[in-house]
């Protein structure tokens, strides 16, 4: 029953490019068939080099994202270096699975960034399973978005080339999925840091 909640609304996309990562999401928040907000920010910067998209129950996602921000700050203060994208995704997976295995967060996250190893993209599902991805979409509009993204080799593209394609994928989901709408937010993360477009 809770898995259906995760896919009830929104569309988020993550694409790994040769020089960075693109995260994109629509702006509509829904509660069933009710549009509860038209300007929701579904992409959160954890640090200037790493960001997270959320699909699912907003309150739980915000709590988890706040925890991740705190942990990333604590890691930097303790060790004097930045936390890797993989480490942050692993921490999110542990929080969503682990001890909460039978009372999981009804959310899905896409975590992308640029660390010492280069660009990286991970997905964390509501059971706490973490997978490394090259291209991913979550939410009710994800089948439409993935259909628009298929056939493109993002790993051979630069972020600037891939941006219009990723944006089109969210726009296509807005046309075909009633729970997706109100505009597109895009965050591009390269060696220079994150840029919200």
C-alpha atoms as a PDB file:
ATOM      1  CA  UNK A   1       0.000   0.000   0.000  1.00  0.00           C
ATOM      2  CA  UNK A   2       2.781   2.474   0.860  1.00  0.00           C
ATOM      3  CA  UNK A   3       4.630   1.829  -2.362  1.00  0.00           C
ATOM      4  CA  UNK A   4       1.656   3.284  -4.258  1.00  0.00           C
ATOM      5  CA  UNK A   5       2.043   6.550  -2.313  1.00  0.00           C
ATOM      6  CA  UNK A   6       5.593   6.952  -3.548  1.00  0.00           C
ATOM      7  CA  UNK A   7       4.525   6.867  -7.190  1.00  0.00           C
ATOM      8  CA  UNK A   8       1.328   8.912  -6.816  1.00  0.00           C
ATOM      9  CA  UNK A   9       2.747  12.237  -7.920  1.00  0.00           C
ATOM     10  CA  UNK A  10       5.756  14.150  -9.272  1.00  0.00           C
ATOM     11  CA  UNK A  11       8.480  13.549 -11.810  1.00  0.00           C
ATOM     12  CA  UNK A  12      12.189  13.784 -11.000  1.00  0.00           C
ATOM     13  CA  UNK A  13      15.105  12.977 -13.304  1.00  0.00           C
ATOM     14  CA  UNK A  14      18.837  12.455 -12.838  1.00  0.00           C
ATOM     15  CA  UNK A  15      21.346  12.218 -15.703  1.00  0.00           C
ATOM     16  CA  UNK A  16      25.087  11.543 -15.498  1.00  0.00           C
ATOM     17  CA  UNK A  17      27.082  13.471 -18.111  1.00  0.00           C
ATOM     18  CA  UNK A  18      30.767  13.515 -19.036  1.00  0.00           C
ATOM     19  CA  UNK A  19      31.470  16.651 -16.982  1.00  0.00           C
ATOM     20  CA  UNK A  20      28.748  16.611 -14.336  1.00  0.00           C
ATOM     21  CA  UNK A  21      25.251  15.678 -13.236  1.00  0.00           C
ATOM     22  CA  UNK A  22      21.839  17.118 -14.039  1.00  0.00           C
ATOM     23  CA  UNK A  23      18.908  16.847 -11.621  1.00  0.00           C
ATOM     24  CA  UNK A  24      15.444  18.047 -12.669  1.00  0.00           C
ATOM     25  CA  UNK A  25      11.952  18.017 -11.166  1.00  0.00           C
ATOM     26  CA  UNK A  26       8.514  19.483 -11.674  1.00  0.00           C
ATOM     27  CA  UNK A  27       7.040  21.941  -9.144  1.00  0.00           C
ATOM     28  CA  UNK A  28       3.562  20.506  -8.397  1.00  0.00           C
ATOM     29  CA  UNK A  29       2.781  18.944  -5.005  1.00  0.00           C
ATOM     30  CA  UNK A  30      -0.321  16.761  -4.885  1.00  0.00           C
ATOM     31  CA  UNK A  31      -2.351  14.999  -2.245  1.00  0.00           C
ATOM     32  CA  UNK A  32      -4.338  12.411  -4.149  1.00  0.00           C
ATOM     33  CA  UNK A  33      -6.114  14.404  -6.872  1.00  0.00           C
ATOM     34  CA  UNK A  34      -5.794  17.675  -4.959  1.00  0.00           C
ATOM     35  CA  UNK A  35      -3.039  20.094  -6.006  1.00  0.00           C
ATOM     36  CA  UNK A  36      -1.730  21.218  -2.636  1.00  0.00           C
ATOM     37  CA  UNK A  37       1.054  23.515  -3.876  1.00  0.00           C
ATOM     38  CA  UNK A  38       2.200  24.898  -7.227  1.00  0.00           C
ATOM     39  CA  UNK A  39       5.722  26.047  -6.351  1.00  0.00           C
ATOM     40  CA  UNK A  40       7.301  23.143  -4.497  1.00  0.00           C
ATOM     41  CA  UNK A  41      11.089  22.886  -4.539  1.00  0.00           C
ATOM     42  CA  UNK A  42      11.841  19.175  -5.049  1.00  0.00           C
ATOM     43  CA  UNK A  43      15.601  19.611  -5.451  1.00  0.00           C
ATOM     44  CA  UNK A  44      17.635  20.400  -2.331  1.00  0.00           C
ATOM     45  CA  UNK A  45      21.296  21.361  -2.225  1.00  0.00           C
ATOM     46  CA  UNK A  46      23.067  19.383   0.501  1.00  0.00           C
ATOM     47  CA  UNK A  47      26.351  21.199  -0.151  1.00  0.00           C
ATOM     48  CA  UNK A  48      27.533  23.290  -3.104  1.00  0.00           C
ATOM     49  CA  UNK A  49      28.685  20.101  -4.875  1.00  0.00           C
ATOM     50  CA  UNK A  50      25.841  17.683  -4.099  1.00  0.00           C
ATOM     51  CA  UNK A  51      22.041  17.772  -4.397  1.00  0.00           C
ATOM     52  CA  UNK A  52      19.025  15.523  -3.831  1.00  0.00           C
ATOM     53  CA  UNK A  53      15.644  15.220  -5.560  1.00  0.00           C
ATOM     54  CA  UNK A  54      12.624  13.912  -3.692  1.00  0.00           C
ATOM     55  CA  UNK A  55       9.541  11.973  -4.720  1.00  0.00           C
ATOM     56  CA  UNK A  56       6.985  10.819  -2.186  1.00  0.00           C
ATOM     57  CA  UNK A  57       5.819  12.176   1.141  1.00  0.00           C
ATOM     58  CA  UNK A  58       7.244  15.684   1.502  1.00  0.00           C
ATOM     59  CA  UNK A  59       7.495  15.850   5.314  1.00  0.00           C
ATOM     60  CA  UNK A  60       9.572  12.669   5.591  1.00  0.00           C
ATOM     61  CA  UNK A  61      11.770  13.746   2.673  1.00  0.00           C
ATOM     62  CA  UNK A  62      12.451  17.117   4.294  1.00  0.00           C
ATOM     63  CA  UNK A  63      13.361  15.482   7.615  1.00  0.00           C
ATOM     64  CA  UNK A  64      15.793  13.108   5.899  1.00  0.00           C
ATOM     65  CA  UNK A  65      17.320  15.876   3.763  1.00  0.00           C
ATOM     66  CA  UNK A  66      17.886  18.018   6.882  1.00  0.00           C
ATOM     67  CA  UNK A  67      19.652  15.036   8.503  1.00  0.00           C
ATOM     68  CA  UNK A  68      21.850  14.597   5.414  1.00  0.00           C
ATOM     69  CA  UNK A  69      22.802  18.303   5.439  1.00  0.00           C
ATOM     70  CA  UNK A  70      23.785  18.046   9.093  1.00  0.00           C
ATOM     71  CA  UNK A  71      25.830  14.882   8.543  1.00  0.00           C
ATOM     72  CA  UNK A  72      27.647  16.399   5.529  1.00  0.00           C
ATOM     73  CA  UNK A  73      28.547  19.487   7.599  1.00  0.00           C
ATOM     74  CA  UNK A  74      29.675  17.354  10.547  1.00  0.00           C
ATOM     75  CA  UNK A  75      31.820  15.193   8.245  1.00  0.00           C
ATOM     76  CA  UNK A  76      33.576  18.292   6.846  1.00  0.00           C
ATOM     77  CA  UNK A  77      34.232  19.720  10.296  1.00  0.00           C
ATOM     78  CA  UNK A  78      35.494  16.384  11.649  1.00  0.00           C
ATOM     79  CA  UNK A  79      37.680  15.234   8.757  1.00  0.00           C
ATOM     80  CA  UNK A  80      38.534  18.507   6.996  1.00  0.00           C
ATOM     81  CA  UNK A  81      37.353  17.254   3.608  1.00  0.00           C
ATOM     82  CA  UNK A  82      34.128  16.885   1.674  1.00  0.00           C
ATOM     83  CA  UNK A  83      31.904  13.827   2.006  1.00  0.00           C
ATOM     84  CA  UNK A  84      31.746  11.818  -1.230  1.00  0.00           C
ATOM     85  CA  UNK A  85      28.493  11.464  -3.166  1.00  0.00           C
ATOM     86  CA  UNK A  86      28.603   7.694  -2.584  1.00  0.00           C
ATOM     87  CA  UNK A  87      29.026   8.159   1.184  1.00  0.00           C
ATOM     88  CA  UNK A  88      26.058  10.518   1.362  1.00  0.00           C
ATOM     89  CA  UNK A  89      23.896   8.161  -0.705  1.00  0.00           C
ATOM     90  CA  UNK A  90      24.965   5.279   1.529  1.00  0.00           C
ATOM     91  CA  UNK A  91      24.013   7.283   4.613  1.00  0.00           C
ATOM     92  CA  UNK A  92      20.585   8.068   3.119  1.00  0.00           C
ATOM     93  CA  UNK A  93      20.091   4.385   2.294  1.00  0.00           C
ATOM     94  CA  UNK A  94      21.032   3.384   5.836  1.00  0.00           C
ATOM     95  CA  UNK A  95      18.568   5.891   7.297  1.00  0.00           C
ATOM     96  CA  UNK A  96      15.770   4.781   4.975  1.00  0.00           C
ATOM     97  CA  UNK A  97      16.403   1.065   5.400  1.00  0.00           C
ATOM     98  CA  UNK A  98      18.470  -0.218   8.293  1.00  0.00           C
ATOM     99  CA  UNK A  99      16.739   0.153  11.630  1.00  0.00           C
ATOM    100  CA  UNK A 100      13.583   1.518   9.948  1.00  0.00           C
ATOM    101  CA  UNK A 101      13.202  -1.542   7.717  1.00  0.00           C
ATOM    102  CA  UNK A 102       9.567  -2.188   8.674  1.00  0.00           C
ATOM    103  CA  UNK A 103       8.587   1.453   9.088  1.00  0.00           C
ATOM    104  CA  UNK A 104      10.262   2.858   5.999  1.00  0.00           C
ATOM    105  CA  UNK A 105      10.142   6.382   4.620  1.00  0.00           C
ATOM    106  CA  UNK A 106       7.614   6.504   1.736  1.00  0.00           C
ATOM    107  CA  UNK A 107      10.039   8.426  -0.484  1.00  0.00           C
ATOM    108  CA  UNK A 108      12.548   7.971  -3.288  1.00  0.00           C
ATOM    109  CA  UNK A 109      15.692  10.043  -3.651  1.00  0.00           C
ATOM    110  CA  UNK A 110      18.037  10.780  -6.518  1.00  0.00           C
ATOM    111  CA  UNK A 111      21.407  11.932  -5.199  1.00  0.00           C
ATOM    112  CA  UNK A 112      23.875  13.500  -7.592  1.00  0.00           C
ATOM    113  CA  UNK A 113      27.039  15.488  -7.335  1.00  0.00           C
ATOM    114  CA  UNK A 114      30.656  16.054  -8.229  1.00  0.00           C
ATOM    115  CA  UNK A 115      33.333  14.918  -5.777  1.00  0.00           C
ATOM    116  CA  UNK A 116      37.035  13.992  -5.909  1.00  0.00           C
ATOM    117  CA  UNK A 117      36.200  10.988  -8.121  1.00  0.00           C
ATOM    118  CA  UNK A 118      34.202  13.080 -10.603  1.00  0.00           C
ATOM    119  CA  UNK A 119      30.453  13.139 -11.271  1.00  0.00           C
ATOM    120  CA  UNK A 120      28.287  10.506  -9.571  1.00  0.00           C
ATOM    121  CA  UNK A 121      24.585   9.644  -9.507  1.00  0.00           C
ATOM    122  CA  UNK A 122      22.716   7.353  -7.097  1.00  0.00           C
ATOM    123  CA  UNK A 123      19.118   6.334  -6.464  1.00  0.00           C
ATOM    124  CA  UNK A 124      17.791   5.358  -3.044  1.00  0.00           C
ATOM    125  CA  UNK A 125      14.376   3.716  -2.863  1.00  0.00           C
ATOM    126  CA  UNK A 126      11.877   3.527  -0.010  1.00  0.00           C
ATOM    127  CA  UNK A 127      13.365   0.253   1.302  1.00  0.00           C
ATOM    128  CA  UNK A 128      16.843   1.750   1.563  1.00  0.00           C
ATOM    129  CA  UNK A 129      18.256   0.060  -1.544  1.00  0.00           C
ATOM    130  CA  UNK A 130      20.987   2.179  -3.137  1.00  0.00           C
ATOM    131  CA  UNK A 131      21.987   1.837  -6.790  1.00  0.00           C
ATOM    132  CA  UNK A 132      24.539   3.710  -8.868  1.00  0.00           C
ATOM    133  CA  UNK A 133      22.871   5.078 -11.992  1.00  0.00           C
ATOM    134  CA  UNK A 134      23.657   6.749 -15.292  1.00  0.00           C
ATOM    135  CA  UNK A 135      20.070   7.807 -15.946  1.00  0.00           C
ATOM    136  CA  UNK A 136      17.035   7.599 -13.673  1.00  0.00           C
ATOM    137  CA  UNK A 137      13.549   9.005 -13.197  1.00  0.00           C
ATOM    138  CA  UNK A 138      11.183   8.669 -10.228  1.00  0.00           C
ATOM    139  CA  UNK A 139       7.562   9.503  -9.537  1.00  0.00           C
ATOM    140  CA  UNK A 140       4.317   8.962 -11.418  1.00  0.00           C
ATOM    141  CA  UNK A 141       5.597  10.701 -14.553  1.00  0.00           C
ATOM    142  CA  UNK A 142       8.790   8.636 -14.716  1.00  0.00           C
ATOM    143  CA  UNK A 143       7.679   6.291 -17.554  1.00  0.00           C
ATOM    144  CA  UNK A 144       6.991   9.284 -19.810  1.00  0.00           C
ATOM    145  CA  UNK A 145      10.237  11.020 -18.806  1.00  0.00           C
ATOM    146  CA  UNK A 146      12.315   7.884 -19.407  1.00  0.00           C
ATOM    147  CA  UNK A 147      10.686   7.439 -22.807  1.00  0.00           C
ATOM    148  CA  UNK A 148      11.877  10.928 -23.727  1.00  0.00           C
ATOM    149  CA  UNK A 149      15.394  10.282 -22.375  1.00  0.00           C
ATOM    150  CA  UNK A 150      16.008   6.879 -23.978  1.00  0.00           C
ATOM    151  CA  UNK A 151      18.286   6.798 -26.993  1.00  0.00           C
ATOM    152  CA  UNK A 152      20.558   9.601 -25.772  1.00  0.00           C
ATOM    153  CA  UNK A 153      24.116   8.833 -24.681  1.00  0.00           C
ATOM    154  CA  UNK A 154      24.430  11.277 -21.794  1.00  0.00           C
ATOM    155  CA  UNK A 155      27.873   9.965 -20.792  1.00  0.00           C
ATOM    156  CA  UNK A 156      29.284  11.330 -24.041  1.00  0.00           C
ATOM    157  CA  UNK A 157      27.507  14.692 -23.616  1.00  0.00           C
ATOM    158  CA  UNK A 158      28.489  17.748 -21.665  1.00  0.00           C
ATOM    159  CA  UNK A 159      25.973  19.170 -19.182  1.00  0.00           C
ATOM    160  CA  UNK A 160      25.188  22.106 -21.503  1.00  0.00           C
ATOM    161  CA  UNK A 161      24.234  19.728 -24.351  1.00  0.00           C
ATOM    162  CA  UNK A 162      22.103  17.501 -22.134  1.00  0.00           C
ATOM    163  CA  UNK A 163      20.151  20.253 -20.336  1.00  0.00           C
ATOM    164  CA  UNK A 164      17.494  20.781 -23.058  1.00  0.00           C
ATOM    165  CA  UNK A 165      16.861  17.023 -23.323  1.00  0.00           C
ATOM    166  CA  UNK A 166      16.371  16.615 -19.557  1.00  0.00           C
ATOM    167  CA  UNK A 167      14.093  19.657 -19.471  1.00  0.00           C
ATOM    168  CA  UNK A 168      12.032  18.222 -22.346  1.00  0.00           C
ATOM    169  CA  UNK A 169      11.624  14.967 -20.398  1.00  0.00           C
ATOM    170  CA  UNK A 170      10.003  16.796 -17.455  1.00  0.00           C
ATOM    171  CA  UNK A 171       7.852  18.835 -19.848  1.00  0.00           C
ATOM    172  CA  UNK A 172       6.659  15.637 -21.547  1.00  0.00           C
ATOM    173  CA  UNK A 173       5.684  14.217 -18.144  1.00  0.00           C
ATOM    174  CA  UNK A 174       3.808  17.458 -17.416  1.00  0.00           C
ATOM    175  CA  UNK A 175       1.742  16.912 -20.569  1.00  0.00           C
ATOM    176  CA  UNK A 176       0.861  13.270 -19.871  1.00  0.00           C
ATOM    177  CA  UNK A 177       0.808  12.902 -16.078  1.00  0.00           C
ATOM    178  CA  UNK A 178      -1.847  14.803 -14.094  1.00  0.00           C
ATOM    179  CA  UNK A 179       0.250  14.789 -10.905  1.00  0.00           C
ATOM    180  CA  UNK A 180       3.187  16.519 -12.650  1.00  0.00           C
ATOM    181  CA  UNK A 181       3.096  20.201 -13.490  1.00  0.00           C
ATOM    182  CA  UNK A 182       3.576  23.900 -12.726  1.00  0.00           C
ATOM    183  CA  UNK A 183       7.082  24.231 -14.171  1.00  0.00           C
ATOM    184  CA  UNK A 184      10.555  22.713 -14.164  1.00  0.00           C
ATOM    185  CA  UNK A 185      13.458  23.144 -11.738  1.00  0.00           C
ATOM    186  CA  UNK A 186      16.917  22.099 -12.939  1.00  0.00           C
ATOM    187  CA  UNK A 187      20.196  21.881 -11.022  1.00  0.00           C
ATOM    188  CA  UNK A 188      23.459  21.234 -12.884  1.00  0.00           C
ATOM    189  CA  UNK A 189      26.473  20.149 -10.835  1.00  0.00           C
ATOM    190  CA  UNK A 190      29.955  20.284 -12.353  1.00  0.00           C
ATOM    191  CA  UNK A 191      33.497  20.694 -11.039  1.00  0.00           C
ATOM    192  CA  UNK A 192      32.706  24.391 -10.465  1.00  0.00           C
ATOM    193  CA  UNK A 193      29.762  23.523  -8.172  1.00  0.00           C
ATOM    194  CA  UNK A 194      25.974  23.516  -8.383  1.00  0.00           C
ATOM    195  CA  UNK A 195      24.000  25.919 -10.505  1.00  0.00           C
ATOM    196  CA  UNK A 196      20.213  26.199 -10.247  1.00  0.00           C
ATOM    197  CA  UNK A 197      18.680  27.016 -13.623  1.00  0.00           C
END
